[in-house]
Amino acid sequence: MKLNFKTPILALALAVQTLGVISVEASERVLDAHEHGVSKLKLAQESNTIIFELEAPGNDIVGFEHAAENDDQKSAVNEALSQLQKPELIFVLPADAKCTASNQKAEFETEEDHAGFHVTWTMTCERPAQANAITVRFFEIFERAEEVELEAIGNSGQVAIEVEKGQAKVDISQAIGE
């Protein structure tokens, strides 16, 4: 089913997405409960801008869900953060869209009994209608991950997709468009 939204709703979705990111910077985020093996990727498009937010359990990325306790674990977290600082190489939009990444932020967040990664970034696309698919390299890079629950809202509507390990390309044309 294709749903079309008017610009004010998209602006609201984008604002909520952005405010969520701002609140991360303004105060400590509370980690949501999560399922091992399942990450969440949210996209919100307004015109030629697409804001991305990824939440992934620590176990899926580095193999543990607590604050790093030794040099090996600290190294694993730092390596993962380095990779996640380039999310446009993990979730790749078509070259024809001519998108440029900015505002990349990756954090390893810990609480008493679990930890996870929180990543945000913005893509600005010269031809946003061509940003209609994502090549998923997430499972190649983070082999423990099993699934990404993708939710997108954009100029063409909205879509929710469960992306399974081994799935290399995802059609998001129902959401992302002119």
C-alpha atoms as a PDB file:
ATOM      1  CA  MET A   1       0.000   0.000   0.000  1.00  0.00           C
ATOM      2  CA  LYS A   2       1.373   3.393  -0.966  1.00  0.00           C
ATOM      3  CA  LEU A   3       0.631   6.220   1.460  1.00  0.00           C
ATOM      4  CA  ASN A   4       1.201   9.851   0.554  1.00  0.00           C
ATOM      5  CA  PHE A   5       1.805  12.454   3.212  1.00  0.00           C
ATOM      6  CA  LYS A   6       1.663  16.205   2.952  1.00  0.00           C
ATOM      7  CA  THR A   7       4.786  18.245   3.642  1.00  0.00           C
ATOM      8  CA  PRO A   8       3.748  19.375   7.175  1.00  0.00           C
ATOM      9  CA  ILE A   9       3.596  15.761   8.341  1.00  0.00           C
ATOM     10  CA  LEU A  10       6.999  15.071   6.803  1.00  0.00           C
ATOM     11  CA  ALA A  11       8.352  18.175   8.451  1.00  0.00           C
ATOM     12  CA  LEU A  12       6.945  16.980  11.780  1.00  0.00           C
ATOM     13  CA  ALA A  13       8.500  13.526  11.319  1.00  0.00           C
ATOM     14  CA  LEU A  14      11.808  15.147  10.427  1.00  0.00           C
ATOM     15  CA  ALA A  15      11.563  17.467  13.429  1.00  0.00           C
ATOM     16  CA  VAL A  16      10.807  14.588  15.772  1.00  0.00           C
ATOM     17  CA  GLN A  17      13.756  12.690  14.310  1.00  0.00           C
ATOM     18  CA  THR A  18      16.017  15.716  14.701  1.00  0.00           C
ATOM     19  CA  LEU A  19      14.777  16.502  18.208  1.00  0.00           C
ATOM     20  CA  GLY A  20      15.536  12.934  19.201  1.00  0.00           C
ATOM     21  CA  VAL A  21      19.111  13.493  18.085  1.00  0.00           C
ATOM     22  CA  ILE A  22      19.278  16.829  19.880  1.00  0.00           C
ATOM     23  CA  SER A  23      18.007  15.266  23.103  1.00  0.00           C
ATOM     24  CA  VAL A  24      20.849  12.749  22.893  1.00  0.00           C
ATOM     25  CA  GLU A  25      23.291  15.609  23.024  1.00  0.00           C
ATOM     26  CA  ALA A  26      21.389  17.526  25.699  1.00  0.00           C
ATOM     27  CA  SER A  27      20.953  14.653  28.141  1.00  0.00           C
ATOM     28  CA  GLU A  28      21.872  11.019  28.592  1.00  0.00           C
ATOM     29  CA  ARG A  29      19.768   8.713  26.412  1.00  0.00           C
ATOM     30  CA  VAL A  30      18.027   5.746  27.933  1.00  0.00           C
ATOM     31  CA  LEU A  31      18.689   2.570  25.982  1.00  0.00           C
ATOM     32  CA  ASP A  32      15.576   0.851  24.728  1.00  0.00           C
ATOM     33  CA  ALA A  33      15.100  -2.841  25.249  1.00  0.00           C
ATOM     34  CA  HIS A  34      16.287  -4.710  22.209  1.00  0.00           C
ATOM     35  CA  GLU A  35      16.482  -8.144  20.668  1.00  0.00           C
ATOM     36  CA  HIS A  36      19.921  -9.592  19.995  1.00  0.00           C
ATOM     37  CA  GLY A  37      20.525  -9.907  16.282  1.00  0.00           C
ATOM     38  CA  VAL A  38      18.053  -7.118  15.437  1.00  0.00           C
ATOM     39  CA  SER A  39      19.069  -3.536  14.676  1.00  0.00           C
ATOM     40  CA  LYS A  40      16.730  -0.668  13.837  1.00  0.00           C
ATOM     41  CA  LEU A  41      17.276   1.812  11.005  1.00  0.00           C
ATOM     42  CA  LYS A  42      14.970   4.824  10.633  1.00  0.00           C
ATOM     43  CA  LEU A  43      14.951   7.213   7.676  1.00  0.00           C
ATOM     44  CA  ALA A  44      13.094  10.505   7.332  1.00  0.00           C
ATOM     45  CA  GLN A  45      13.181  12.468   4.065  1.00  0.00           C
ATOM     46  CA  GLU A  46      12.314  16.103   3.543  1.00  0.00           C
ATOM     47  CA  SER A  47      13.003  17.337   0.027  1.00  0.00           C
ATOM     48  CA  ASN A  48      16.641  16.484  -0.780  1.00  0.00           C
ATOM     49  CA  THR A  49      17.661  15.649   2.795  1.00  0.00           C
ATOM     50  CA  ILE A  50      17.452  12.189   4.361  1.00  0.00           C
ATOM     51  CA  ILE A  51      18.158  11.776   8.067  1.00  0.00           C
ATOM     52  CA  PHE A  52      19.203   8.301   9.227  1.00  0.00           C
ATOM     53  CA  GLU A  53      19.231   6.828  12.732  1.00  0.00           C
ATOM     54  CA  LEU A  54      20.621   3.371  13.522  1.00  0.00           C
ATOM     55  CA  GLU A  55      20.338   1.567  16.835  1.00  0.00           C
ATOM     56  CA  ALA A  56      22.213  -1.727  17.182  1.00  0.00           C
ATOM     57  CA  PRO A  57      22.757  -4.022  20.174  1.00  0.00           C
ATOM     58  CA  GLY A  58      26.363  -4.104  21.328  1.00  0.00           C
ATOM     59  CA  ASN A  59      26.427  -7.883  20.994  1.00  0.00           C
ATOM     60  CA  ASP A  60      25.687  -7.625  17.261  1.00  0.00           C
ATOM     61  CA  ILE A  61      28.514  -5.182  16.645  1.00  0.00           C
ATOM     62  CA  VAL A  62      31.293  -6.113  19.104  1.00  0.00           C
ATOM     63  CA  GLY A  63      30.136  -9.350  20.752  1.00  0.00           C
ATOM     64  CA  PHE A  64      29.306  -8.011  24.232  1.00  0.00           C
ATOM     65  CA  GLU A  65      26.703  -5.832  25.948  1.00  0.00           C
ATOM     66  CA  HIS A  66      28.492  -3.995  28.730  1.00  0.00           C
ATOM     67  CA  ALA A  67      31.064  -1.272  29.117  1.00  0.00           C
ATOM     68  CA  ALA A  68      34.407  -2.275  27.637  1.00  0.00           C
ATOM     69  CA  GLU A  69      36.367  -4.004  30.404  1.00  0.00           C
ATOM     70  CA  ASN A  70      39.778  -4.643  28.856  1.00  0.00           C
ATOM     71  CA  ASP A  71      42.041  -3.461  26.054  1.00  0.00           C
ATOM     72  CA  ASP A  72      40.619  -5.949  23.529  1.00  0.00           C
ATOM     73  CA  GLN A  73      37.065  -4.802  24.197  1.00  0.00           C
ATOM     74  CA  LYS A  74      38.060  -1.129  24.099  1.00  0.00           C
ATOM     75  CA  SER A  75      39.791  -1.764  20.783  1.00  0.00           C
ATOM     76  CA  ALA A  76      36.688  -3.541  19.414  1.00  0.00           C
ATOM     77  CA  VAL A  77      34.462  -0.613  20.413  1.00  0.00           C
ATOM     78  CA  ASN A  78      36.856   1.941  18.895  1.00  0.00           C
ATOM     79  CA  GLU A  79      37.100  -0.037  15.656  1.00  0.00           C
ATOM     80  CA  ALA A  80      33.312  -0.326  15.444  1.00  0.00           C
ATOM     81  CA  LEU A  81      32.883   3.400  16.111  1.00  0.00           C
ATOM     82  CA  SER A  82      35.416   4.140  13.377  1.00  0.00           C
ATOM     83  CA  GLN A  83      33.418   2.029  10.904  1.00  0.00           C
ATOM     84  CA  LEU A  84      30.111   3.512  12.052  1.00  0.00           C
ATOM     85  CA  GLN A  85      31.472   7.047  11.488  1.00  0.00           C
ATOM     86  CA  LYS A  86      31.176   6.160   7.770  1.00  0.00           C
ATOM     87  CA  PRO A  87      27.608   4.802   7.698  1.00  0.00           C
ATOM     88  CA  GLU A  88      27.201   5.802   4.051  1.00  0.00           C
ATOM     89  CA  LEU A  89      29.593   2.913   3.273  1.00  0.00           C
ATOM     90  CA  ILE A  90      27.443   0.500   5.307  1.00  0.00           C
ATOM     91  CA  PHE A  91      24.038   1.555   3.934  1.00  0.00           C
ATOM     92  CA  VAL A  92      24.868   2.677   0.405  1.00  0.00           C
ATOM     93  CA  LEU A  93      22.507   4.813  -1.664  1.00  0.00           C
ATOM     94  CA  PRO A  94      22.696   4.655  -5.489  1.00  0.00           C
ATOM     95  CA  ALA A  95      25.468   6.761  -7.023  1.00  0.00           C
ATOM     96  CA  ASP A  96      22.912   8.312  -9.413  1.00  0.00           C
ATOM     97  CA  ALA A  97      21.296  10.052  -6.428  1.00  0.00           C
ATOM     98  CA  LYS A  98      24.526  12.020  -5.867  1.00  0.00           C
ATOM     99  CA  CYS A  99      24.227  12.008  -2.074  1.00  0.00           C
ATOM    100  CA  THR A 100      26.751  13.435   0.343  1.00  0.00           C
ATOM    101  CA  ALA A 101      26.949  12.401   3.999  1.00  0.00           C
ATOM    102  CA  SER A 102      27.295  14.898   6.827  1.00  0.00           C
ATOM    103  CA  ASN A 103      26.720  15.148  10.563  1.00  0.00           C
ATOM    104  CA  GLN A 104      27.839  11.565  11.210  1.00  0.00           C
ATOM    105  CA  LYS A 105      27.765  10.696  14.882  1.00  0.00           C
ATOM    106  CA  ALA A 106      28.379   7.261  16.383  1.00  0.00           C
ATOM    107  CA  GLU A 107      28.207   6.450  20.085  1.00  0.00           C
ATOM    108  CA  PHE A 108      28.592   3.356  22.235  1.00  0.00           C
ATOM    109  CA  GLU A 109      26.035   3.737  25.002  1.00  0.00           C
ATOM    110  CA  THR A 110      26.129   1.620  28.148  1.00  0.00           C
ATOM    111  CA  GLU A 111      23.787   0.997  31.034  1.00  0.00           C
ATOM    112  CA  GLU A 112      24.003  -1.398  33.943  1.00  0.00           C
ATOM    113  CA  ASP A 113      23.253  -4.616  32.098  1.00  0.00           C
ATOM    114  CA  HIS A 114      23.396  -3.840  28.387  1.00  0.00           C
ATOM    115  CA  ALA A 115      24.979  -1.630  25.782  1.00  0.00           C
ATOM    116  CA  GLY A 116      24.366  -0.602  22.221  1.00  0.00           C
ATOM    117  CA  PHE A 117      25.448   1.610  19.375  1.00  0.00           C
ATOM    118  CA  HIS A 118      23.550   4.711  18.325  1.00  0.00           C
ATOM    119  CA  VAL A 119      24.439   6.284  14.978  1.00  0.00           C
ATOM    120  CA  THR A 120      22.944   9.305  13.207  1.00  0.00           C
ATOM    121  CA  TRP A 121      23.830  10.900   9.900  1.00  0.00           C
ATOM    122  CA  THR A 122      22.372  13.102   7.202  1.00  0.00           C
ATOM    123  CA  MET A 123      22.482  12.544   3.465  1.00  0.00           C
ATOM    124  CA  THR A 124      21.915  15.461   1.111  1.00  0.00           C
ATOM    125  CA  CYS A 125      21.025  14.251  -2.383  1.00  0.00           C
ATOM    126  CA  GLU A 126      21.114  16.213  -5.639  1.00  0.00           C
ATOM    127  CA  ARG A 127      18.684  13.710  -7.178  1.00  0.00           C
ATOM    128  CA  PRO A 128      16.667  12.329  -4.237  1.00  0.00           C
ATOM    129  CA  ALA A 129      14.277  10.346  -6.463  1.00  0.00           C
ATOM    130  CA  GLN A 130      17.270   8.183  -7.394  1.00  0.00           C
ATOM    131  CA  ALA A 131      17.840   7.340  -3.705  1.00  0.00           C
ATOM    132  CA  ASN A 132      15.221   4.619  -4.129  1.00  0.00           C
ATOM    133  CA  ALA A 133      17.236   1.643  -2.872  1.00  0.00           C
ATOM    134  CA  ILE A 134      19.879   0.819  -0.288  1.00  0.00           C
ATOM    135  CA  THR A 135      22.749  -1.584  -0.794  1.00  0.00           C
ATOM    136  CA  VAL A 136      23.158  -3.197   2.620  1.00  0.00           C
ATOM    137  CA  ARG A 137      26.752  -4.011   3.649  1.00  0.00           C
ATOM    138  CA  PHE A 138      25.860  -4.080   7.352  1.00  0.00           C
ATOM    139  CA  PHE A 139      25.853  -7.888   7.599  1.00  0.00           C
ATOM    140  CA  GLU A 140      29.220  -8.173   5.836  1.00  0.00           C
ATOM    141  CA  ILE A 141      30.820  -5.753   8.264  1.00  0.00           C
ATOM    142  CA  PHE A 142      29.019  -6.868  11.444  1.00  0.00           C
ATOM    143  CA  GLU A 143      28.709 -10.628  11.070  1.00  0.00           C
ATOM    144  CA  ARG A 144      26.781 -11.210  14.333  1.00  0.00           C
ATOM    145  CA  ALA A 145      23.859  -9.085  13.106  1.00  0.00           C
ATOM    146  CA  GLU A 146      20.885 -11.052  11.773  1.00  0.00           C
ATOM    147  CA  GLU A 147      18.239  -8.475  10.859  1.00  0.00           C
ATOM    148  CA  VAL A 148      17.651  -4.751  10.379  1.00  0.00           C
ATOM    149  CA  GLU A 149      14.151  -3.415  10.939  1.00  0.00           C
ATOM    150  CA  LEU A 150      13.993  -0.498   8.494  1.00  0.00           C
ATOM    151  CA  GLU A 151      11.335   2.203   8.725  1.00  0.00           C
ATOM    152  CA  ALA A 152      11.290   5.036   6.204  1.00  0.00           C
ATOM    153  CA  ILE A 153       9.026   8.023   5.710  1.00  0.00           C
ATOM    154  CA  GLY A 154       9.562  10.396   2.848  1.00  0.00           C
ATOM    155  CA  ASN A 155       8.198  12.401  -0.044  1.00  0.00           C
ATOM    156  CA  SER A 156       6.563   9.309  -1.609  1.00  0.00           C
ATOM    157  CA  GLY A 157       5.037   7.757   1.531  1.00  0.00           C
ATOM    158  CA  GLN A 158       6.245   5.284   4.092  1.00  0.00           C
ATOM    159  CA  VAL A 159       7.547   1.740   4.247  1.00  0.00           C
ATOM    160  CA  ALA A 160       8.597  -0.780   6.896  1.00  0.00           C
ATOM    161  CA  ILE A 161      10.880  -3.634   5.848  1.00  0.00           C
ATOM    162  CA  GLU A 162      12.592  -6.451   7.716  1.00  0.00           C
ATOM    163  CA  VAL A 163      15.996  -6.774   6.106  1.00  0.00           C
ATOM    164  CA  GLU A 164      17.417 -10.258   6.696  1.00  0.00           C
ATOM    165  CA  LYS A 165      21.062 -11.307   6.767  1.00  0.00           C
ATOM    166  CA  GLY A 166      22.114 -12.100   3.208  1.00  0.00           C
ATOM    167  CA  GLN A 167      19.775  -9.522   1.673  1.00  0.00           C
ATOM    168  CA  ALA A 168      22.032  -7.156  -0.247  1.00  0.00           C
ATOM    169  CA  LYS A 169      19.584  -4.602  -1.647  1.00  0.00           C
ATOM    170  CA  VAL A 170      16.410  -3.011  -0.311  1.00  0.00           C
ATOM    171  CA  ASP A 171      13.834  -1.091  -2.343  1.00  0.00           C
ATOM    172  CA  ILE A 172      12.742   2.061  -0.487  1.00  0.00           C
ATOM    173  CA  SER A 173      11.012   3.731  -3.459  1.00  0.00           C
ATOM    174  CA  GLN A 174       7.642   3.600  -1.648  1.00  0.00           C
ATOM    175  CA  ALA A 175       9.017   6.179   0.781  1.00  0.00           C
ATOM    176  CA  ILE A 176      11.902   8.098  -0.786  1.00  0.00           C
ATOM    177  CA  GLY A 177      11.201  10.197  -3.866  1.00  0.00           C
ATOM    178  CA  GLU A 178      11.042  13.651  -5.477  1.00  0.00           C
END
